[in-house]
Amino acid sequence: MILKVILVVSILVILFSILKNKKVYEQFIKKYKEDITLPIMAPFAFSLIDKLNLYKRMPKVISSIHQKMIILKGSKLSGDHTKVYLAKIITFNTLFAFFTCAIVIIDNQPYKNLLVGLFLIVIVSFFLVKDLDTKVKKRKDSIIIELPEFVNKVILLVNAGETAQGAIKKCVEQKQKDIYDSPLYYELNESVNKLSANSSFPNVMKDLNYRCGIQEVSIFTTTIMMNYRKGGALLVESLKELSVSLWDKRKTVTRIKGEEASSKLVFPIIFIFGAVLLIVIYPAIAVF
């Protein structure tokens, strides 16, 4: 009976919070509607983040999420996307909490179901945070795989008499249709836009290095910065040496991805083998 009252009161509090804060976060929700999980619950989640001041109460967890958002979304919008992701975690946990309460009320084993529900909430929160690590790793691997080809294109263009800035611009123009599908070319496109806005080339390269956040891009930008004024043969030779190491790194990443893919196929193969074995031996078993 007490649990039912708590459940009803909680639902009423959440509904009141949604109605009260709907206008407060209306523009923010419209701006990030595609990234927000269950927008109807968003006003409650955002108000909870602000009123409980989670940024100060959970600095380590939120700082970790924020650092990953800087890599995935860029430094300008990382704060907003961190808030959106925290709202996602709160939304999922709230729904699991309601589901747990409903099961506890219906079932005859309240304590057991309550513990299972709390365990699921912890697990979901953990996997949502770890999912960011997976996205960051995929982005890093994607950049490492594309970078050697990009460097080779720059080498060819510089050999043909193009400047480093011009070579990067031409490479980006060739991939304009696939900009949003490629983390590397998306960041390079941002750099080209800054060059078009008369930003200095050294600052643009530093910014590119910061946004990508991986060692291979850092080596590339450093190589460009050390040799771009000299140009010609010196820049080409430096980039050729870099290209060799980048292709080796790409081979390593590709091999690891292949091993991961093969390991994921182990269970389906075992399942198929079991099914085939059952089909083969069933006639013999049926005879007896």
Foldseek 3Di string as FASTA:
>chain_A
DVLVVVLVVVVVVQVVQLVVQCVVCVVLCVVCVVLADPSSSQSSLLVCCVVVVVCVVPVVLLVLQLVLLCQVPNDVCSVSVSSRLSSVLVVVLVVLVSVLSVCLVPDPPNVVSNVVSVVVSVVVSVVSSVVSVVVLVVLLLLCLQCVLVLLVQLLVVLQVPDASLRSLVVVLVVCVVCLVVGSLSVLSVVLNVVVVVVDDPLVSLVSSCVNNVDDLSVQVSVLCVVCRVVGDPSSSVSSVVSSVVSVVVNVVSVVVVVVVVVVVCVVVVVVVVVVVVCVVCVVVVVVD
